Amino acid sequence: MPYFSAVTQTIHLIVNPAAGGGRARRKREQAIAALGALGPLEVRESAAARDETRLAIEAAESNARALVVLGGDGSVSHAARGLIAAKSQVPLAIFAAGTGNDFAKSLGIPAHDYAAMAQMIGASRVRTIDAGEIDGVPFVNAAGLGFDVAVLQRMQDPRAGSWLQGTPRYVITAVQSLLGYPGFDAAVSALANGAQQRWLTIVFANGRWFGGAFQIAPHARLDNGLLETVAIADATPVGRAALFARALRGAHLSRPEVKTASSAAVTLVCPDAPHFEVDGELHHAQRATVLVRCLPGALRVIAG
């Protein structure tokens, strides 16, 4: 394998100009300035949905010094998928410009401080972490079924327009959906009885944060080879509201409706192929039985 020094290796910056309602476009020059002192820099913009995966694979093939993503959770997740697919050692750095930025919160990095992140890249502050995979789709922070899917579907409905964006819009849409969501049936292998029952939501968490404001898996660790299953059973309207409020501060795990497990792999069996979300992006499963698994040590990131 040829030797490349950090001085000559190029940093690749991927900009998703649409992220954060155009915030990434406005932050582009700030990001370039923060990275400018580190050496050669190649700037690319994503021009289509999921374009970050292709650009990340190109960065991996060129043995980039680091891959920096200026965008939100979706942009970061797609870039990470490219690095995971390439089995790359190129580290991923996040310059947050999205709405929820859950993965950056889970990493505990100053992702909004581009100068600080650039210093960490310069100091090679690299950490190896796990990723997850559901129905063959990799994720870095969390995947979920049920209520959170219904909220995302409602947010993406053009008839539901709102002047709010980001986390406030997610929280308000969730409150609006809380009482009307009917729940869904599933059997979860990781839980004690593994029997099918009615759930409000099931989240498979690699990171702690979810939905921009919720500490859905307070005990999750990004590097222990395990995913946290947090399954919340259906509840009365008052019980749903209480669970929602407690999840904001990570205090919901003590409620009797909440079941948790730590495992390397989980099998989910539903009556029909379910919809699910991966790092905030909607998908439809290929079949009624869905495999969720941890991908240990799958990704290198710039982190403290």
Protein backbone atom coordinates (compact mmCIF):
# COMPACT_ATOMS: atom_id res chain seq x y z
CA MET A 1 0.00 0.00 0.00
CA PRO A 2 1.48 3.42 -0.91
CA TYR A 3 2.34 5.81 1.89
CA PHE A 4 0.52 9.14 2.09
CA SER A 5 1.48 11.79 4.62
CA ALA A 6 -1.17 13.92 6.30
CA VAL A 7 0.46 16.95 4.66
CA THR A 8 -0.17 15.74 1.11
CA GLN A 9 -3.49 13.96 1.59
CA THR A 10 -6.53 15.96 0.50
CA ILE A 11 -9.47 16.70 2.76
CA HIS A 12 -12.78 16.20 0.99
CA LEU A 13 -15.67 18.50 1.93
CA ILE A 14 -19.18 17.49 0.87
CA VAL A 15 -21.75 20.30 1.01
CA ASN A 16 -25.46 19.56 0.87
CA PRO A 17 -26.72 23.03 -0.08
CA ALA A 18 -30.33 22.15 0.79
CA ALA A 19 -29.60 20.97 4.35
CA GLY A 20 -31.18 22.94 7.15
CA GLY A 21 -33.41 24.86 4.76
CA GLY A 22 -30.36 26.29 3.01
CA ARG A 23 -28.22 26.72 6.14
CA ALA A 24 -25.43 24.56 4.67
CA ARG A 25 -25.26 26.78 1.59
CA ARG A 26 -24.91 29.85 3.78
CA LYS A 27 -22.20 28.17 5.92
CA ARG A 28 -20.16 26.91 2.95
CA GLU A 29 -17.51 29.65 2.97
CA GLN A 30 -17.19 29.47 6.75
CA ALA A 31 -16.48 25.75 6.50
CA ILE A 32 -13.92 26.25 3.72
CA ALA A 33 -12.15 28.94 5.76
CA ALA A 34 -11.97 26.68 8.82
CA LEU A 35 -10.40 23.87 6.77
CA GLY A 36 -8.13 26.08 4.68
CA ALA A 37 -5.11 25.92 6.97
CA LEU A 38 -5.02 22.12 7.04
CA GLY A 39 -3.72 21.58 3.52
CA PRO A 40 -5.25 20.53 0.19
CA LEU A 41 -9.04 20.73 0.11
CA GLU A 42 -11.52 19.41 -2.44
CA VAL A 43 -15.06 20.78 -2.21
CA ARG A 44 -17.98 18.90 -3.73
CA GLU A 45 -21.71 19.64 -3.61
CA SER A 46 -24.38 16.96 -3.54
CA ALA A 47 -26.62 17.53 -6.53
CA ALA A 48 -29.23 14.84 -6.00
CA ALA A 49 -30.81 12.78 -3.24
CA ARG A 50 -28.31 10.40 -1.59
CA ASP A 51 -25.48 11.80 -3.70
CA GLU A 52 -23.29 11.89 -0.59
CA THR A 53 -22.83 8.11 -0.73
CA ARG A 54 -21.18 8.27 -4.16
CA LEU A 55 -19.01 11.21 -3.15
CA ALA A 56 -17.93 9.39 0.01
CA ILE A 57 -16.90 6.33 -1.98
CA GLU A 58 -14.83 8.59 -4.24
CA ALA A 59 -13.16 10.11 -1.17
CA ALA A 60 -12.39 6.62 0.12
CA GLU A 61 -10.92 5.56 -3.23
CA SER A 62 -8.63 8.61 -3.24
CA ASN A 63 -7.46 7.87 0.32
CA ALA A 64 -8.62 11.26 1.59
CA ARG A 65 -7.18 12.61 4.81
CA ALA A 66 -10.74 13.12 6.10
CA LEU A 67 -14.26 13.35 4.72
CA VAL A 68 -16.09 16.40 6.08
CA VAL A 69 -19.85 16.64 5.66
CA LEU A 70 -21.53 20.04 5.86
CA GLY A 71 -25.18 19.13 6.31
CA GLY A 72 -27.68 17.39 8.56
CA ASP A 73 -28.27 13.85 9.78
CA GLY A 74 -29.40 12.64 6.37
CA SER A 75 -26.30 13.93 4.60
CA VAL A 76 -24.03 12.46 7.29
CA SER A 77 -25.82 9.11 7.18
CA HIS A 78 -25.54 8.83 3.40
CA ALA A 79 -21.84 9.73 3.49
CA ALA A 80 -21.25 7.18 6.23
CA ARG A 81 -22.92 4.50 4.11
CA GLY A 82 -20.37 5.16 1.38
CA LEU A 83 -17.44 4.82 3.77
CA ILE A 84 -18.94 1.66 5.31
CA ALA A 85 -19.55 0.12 1.87
CA ALA A 86 -15.94 0.86 0.89
CA LYS A 87 -14.66 -0.52 4.23
CA SER A 88 -12.68 2.70 4.35
CA GLN A 89 -10.30 3.96 7.02
CA VAL A 90 -11.01 7.58 6.00
CA PRO A 91 -12.46 9.36 9.06
CA LEU A 92 -15.78 11.19 8.87
CA ALA A 93 -16.07 14.71 10.32
CA ILE A 94 -19.34 16.57 10.85
CA PHE A 95 -19.86 20.28 10.30
CA ALA A 96 -23.44 20.51 11.49
CA ALA A 97 -25.87 22.50 9.34
CA GLY A 98 -29.01 20.42 9.63
CA THR A 99 -32.03 20.54 11.89
CA GLY A 100 -31.83 17.83 14.55
CA ASN A 101 -28.13 16.89 14.24
CA ASP A 102 -28.79 13.84 16.44
CA PHE A 103 -25.65 11.93 15.49
CA ALA A 104 -23.39 14.89 16.36
CA LYS A 105 -25.14 15.11 19.74
CA SER A 106 -24.64 11.40 20.31
CA LEU A 107 -20.93 11.79 19.49
CA GLY A 108 -20.65 14.73 21.89
CA ILE A 109 -18.67 16.85 19.42
CA PRO A 110 -18.69 20.65 18.86
CA ALA A 111 -20.13 20.14 15.38
CA HIS A 112 -21.46 23.71 15.14
CA ASP A 113 -17.99 25.13 15.88
CA TYR A 114 -16.22 24.57 12.56
CA ALA A 115 -12.89 25.95 13.81
CA ALA A 116 -12.91 23.50 16.72
CA MET A 117 -13.76 20.61 14.41
CA ALA A 118 -10.95 21.63 12.05
CA GLN A 119 -8.51 21.59 14.97
CA MET A 120 -9.65 18.06 15.80
CA ILE A 121 -9.04 16.99 12.19
CA GLY A 122 -5.59 18.56 12.31
CA ALA A 123 -4.81 16.73 15.55
CA SER A 124 -6.09 13.41 14.08
CA ARG A 125 -8.64 13.00 16.87
CA VAL A 126 -10.07 9.80 15.41
CA ARG A 127 -12.42 7.36 17.11
CA THR A 128 -13.67 4.02 15.78
CA ILE A 129 -17.38 3.40 16.33
CA ASP A 130 -20.09 0.93 15.42
CA ALA A 131 -22.91 1.38 12.94
CA GLY A 132 -26.22 -0.43 12.64
CA GLU A 133 -28.10 -2.05 9.79
CA ILE A 134 -31.81 -2.67 9.34
CA ASP A 135 -33.15 -4.64 6.39
CA GLY A 136 -29.76 -4.15 4.72
CA VAL A 137 -29.75 -0.35 5.16
CA PRO A 138 -26.87 0.98 7.32
CA PHE A 139 -27.47 3.67 9.94
CA VAL A 140 -25.16 5.57 12.26
CA ASN A 141 -27.48 6.91 14.96
CA ALA A 142 -30.86 5.16 15.10
CA ALA A 143 -33.56 3.33 13.17
CA GLY A 144 -37.19 3.17 14.20
CA LEU A 145 -40.66 1.84 13.45
CA GLY A 146 -44.13 2.93 14.40
CA PHE A 147 -44.93 6.36 15.79
CA ASP A 148 -41.77 8.09 14.54
CA VAL A 149 -42.48 6.82 11.01
CA ALA A 150 -46.01 8.25 11.22
CA VAL A 151 -44.59 11.61 12.35
CA LEU A 152 -42.09 11.73 9.47
CA GLN A 153 -44.79 10.78 6.97
CA ARG A 154 -46.98 13.59 8.28
CA MET A 155 -44.07 16.07 8.12
CA GLN A 156 -43.40 15.15 4.49
CA ASP A 157 -47.03 15.48 3.44
CA PRO A 158 -47.15 18.67 1.29
CA ARG A 159 -50.71 19.31 2.50
CA ALA A 160 -49.46 19.67 6.08
CA GLY A 161 -47.36 22.82 5.43
CA SER A 162 -45.86 24.64 8.38
CA TRP A 163 -43.78 27.74 8.90
CA LEU A 164 -41.79 25.80 11.50
CA GLN A 165 -38.79 23.68 10.55
CA GLY A 166 -36.39 21.27 12.22
CA THR A 167 -36.77 20.10 15.81
CA PRO A 168 -39.67 22.44 16.72
CA ARG A 169 -41.67 21.16 13.77
CA TYR A 170 -40.89 17.53 14.67
CA VAL A 171 -41.98 18.02 18.29
CA ILE A 172 -45.19 19.84 17.36
CA THR A 173 -46.05 17.26 14.68
CA ALA A 174 -45.40 14.49 17.21
CA VAL A 175 -47.75 16.12 19.72
CA GLN A 176 -50.42 16.48 17.03
CA SER A 177 -50.03 12.81 16.07
CA LEU A 178 -49.78 11.44 19.60
CA LEU A 179 -53.42 10.62 20.29
CA GLY A 180 -54.48 9.50 16.82
CA TYR A 181 -51.72 7.02 16.01
CA PRO A 182 -53.19 3.47 16.23
CA GLY A 183 -49.97 1.61 17.05
CA PHE A 184 -48.57 -1.43 15.24
CA ASP A 185 -48.10 -5.14 15.91
CA ALA A 186 -44.69 -6.81 16.04
CA ALA A 187 -42.70 -9.52 17.81
CA VAL A 188 -39.19 -8.54 18.91
CA SER A 189 -36.67 -11.33 19.48
CA ALA A 190 -34.50 -9.28 21.86
CA LEU A 191 -37.27 -8.83 24.43
CA ALA A 192 -38.03 -11.28 27.21
CA ASN A 193 -41.09 -13.08 25.83
CA GLY A 194 -40.61 -12.29 22.13
CA ALA A 195 -44.40 -12.41 21.65
CA GLN A 196 -46.29 -10.25 19.21
CA GLN A 197 -48.02 -7.25 20.78
CA ARG A 198 -49.15 -3.72 20.01
CA TRP A 199 -46.40 -1.10 20.15
CA LEU A 200 -46.34 2.67 19.99
CA THR A 201 -42.76 2.75 18.70
CA ILE A 202 -39.62 0.60 18.54
CA VAL A 203 -36.21 2.24 18.21
CA PHE A 204 -32.89 0.50 17.55
CA ALA A 205 -30.31 2.94 18.84
CA ASN A 206 -26.59 3.20 18.26
CA GLY A 207 -26.58 6.76 19.66
CA ARG A 208 -28.47 8.37 22.53
CA TRP A 209 -30.38 11.15 20.77
CA PHE A 210 -33.43 10.91 18.53
CA GLY A 211 -35.84 13.31 16.86
CA GLY A 212 -33.71 16.33 17.68
CA ALA A 213 -34.85 16.57 21.29
CA PHE A 214 -35.34 13.10 22.77
CA GLN A 215 -32.81 11.05 24.74
CA ILE A 216 -34.40 7.85 23.54
CA ALA A 217 -31.54 5.54 24.59
CA PRO A 218 -29.66 7.18 27.49
CA HIS A 219 -27.41 4.13 27.99
CA ALA A 220 -26.44 3.65 24.34
CA ARG A 221 -22.75 3.50 23.52
CA LEU A 222 -21.33 3.95 20.04
CA ASP A 223 -18.47 1.49 20.43
CA ASN A 224 -19.64 -1.54 22.45
CA GLY A 225 -20.71 -3.81 19.58
CA LEU A 226 -24.37 -3.61 20.66
CA LEU A 227 -27.55 -1.79 19.73
CA GLU A 228 -30.10 -0.63 22.29
CA THR A 229 -33.65 -1.76 21.58
CA VAL A 230 -36.17 0.63 23.13
CA ALA A 231 -39.71 -0.66 22.63
CA ILE A 232 -42.63 1.38 23.94
CA ALA A 233 -45.93 -0.46 24.27
CA ASP A 234 -49.21 1.21 23.39
CA ALA A 235 -50.69 3.24 26.22
CA THR A 236 -53.69 5.35 27.17
CA PRO A 237 -53.76 8.96 25.94
CA VAL A 238 -52.53 10.16 29.35
CA GLY A 239 -49.85 7.46 29.36
CA ARG A 240 -48.68 8.45 25.88
CA ALA A 241 -48.34 12.09 26.90
CA ALA A 242 -46.36 11.13 30.01
CA LEU A 243 -44.01 8.93 27.99
CA PHE A 244 -43.48 11.68 25.44
CA ALA A 245 -42.60 14.22 28.13
CA ARG A 246 -40.27 11.87 30.01
CA ALA A 247 -38.40 10.91 26.81
CA LEU A 248 -37.31 14.52 26.39
CA ARG A 249 -35.01 14.08 29.38
CA GLY A 250 -34.31 10.35 29.02
CA ALA A 251 -36.49 9.44 32.02
CA HIS A 252 -38.91 7.12 30.22
CA LEU A 253 -37.06 3.83 30.74
CA SER A 254 -38.54 3.31 34.21
CA ARG A 255 -42.10 3.31 32.87
CA PRO A 256 -43.80 -0.13 32.71
CA GLU A 257 -44.70 0.40 29.04
CA VAL A 258 -41.03 0.60 28.08
CA LYS A 259 -39.00 -2.53 27.36
CA THR A 260 -35.28 -2.41 26.60
CA ALA A 261 -32.52 -4.79 25.56
CA SER A 262 -28.88 -4.60 24.49
CA SER A 263 -27.99 -7.00 21.69
CA ALA A 264 -25.83 -7.46 18.62
CA ALA A 265 -28.76 -8.58 16.45
CA VAL A 266 -32.55 -8.42 16.64
CA THR A 267 -35.25 -10.06 14.54
CA LEU A 268 -38.52 -8.18 14.15
CA VAL A 269 -41.61 -10.01 12.86
CA CYS A 270 -44.60 -7.95 11.68
CA PRO A 271 -47.90 -8.95 10.03
CA ASP A 272 -46.77 -7.21 6.83
CA ALA A 273 -43.58 -5.62 5.52
CA PRO A 274 -43.30 -2.48 7.68
CA HIS A 275 -42.18 1.04 6.98
CA PHE A 276 -39.17 2.14 8.98
CA GLU A 277 -36.92 5.15 9.28
CA VAL A 278 -33.13 5.26 9.20
CA ASP A 279 -31.45 8.40 10.59
CA GLY A 280 -34.62 10.32 9.71
CA GLU A 281 -35.13 8.85 6.23
CA LEU A 282 -38.17 6.72 5.37
CA HIS A 283 -37.87 3.20 3.92
CA HIS A 284 -40.14 0.22 3.28
CA ALA A 285 -38.97 -3.25 4.32
CA GLN A 286 -38.62 -6.00 1.74
CA ARG A 287 -40.54 -8.53 3.85
CA ALA A 288 -42.44 -8.94 7.11
CA THR A 289 -39.43 -10.35 8.97
CA VAL A 290 -36.76 -7.70 9.43
CA LEU A 291 -33.19 -8.27 10.66
CA VAL A 292 -31.49 -5.51 12.63
CA ARG A 293 -27.81 -5.90 13.52
CA CYS A 294 -24.81 -4.03 14.81
CA LEU A 295 -21.82 -3.48 12.52
CA PRO A 296 -18.94 -3.35 15.03
CA GLY A 297 -16.12 -0.92 14.31
CA ALA A 298 -17.60 -0.05 10.94
CA LEU A 299 -16.78 3.66 10.89
CA ARG A 300 -13.99 6.04 11.90
CA VAL A 301 -15.04 9.51 13.00
CA ILE A 302 -13.40 12.74 14.12
CA ALA A 303 -14.37 12.98 17.77
CA GLY A 304 -12.99 13.84 21.17
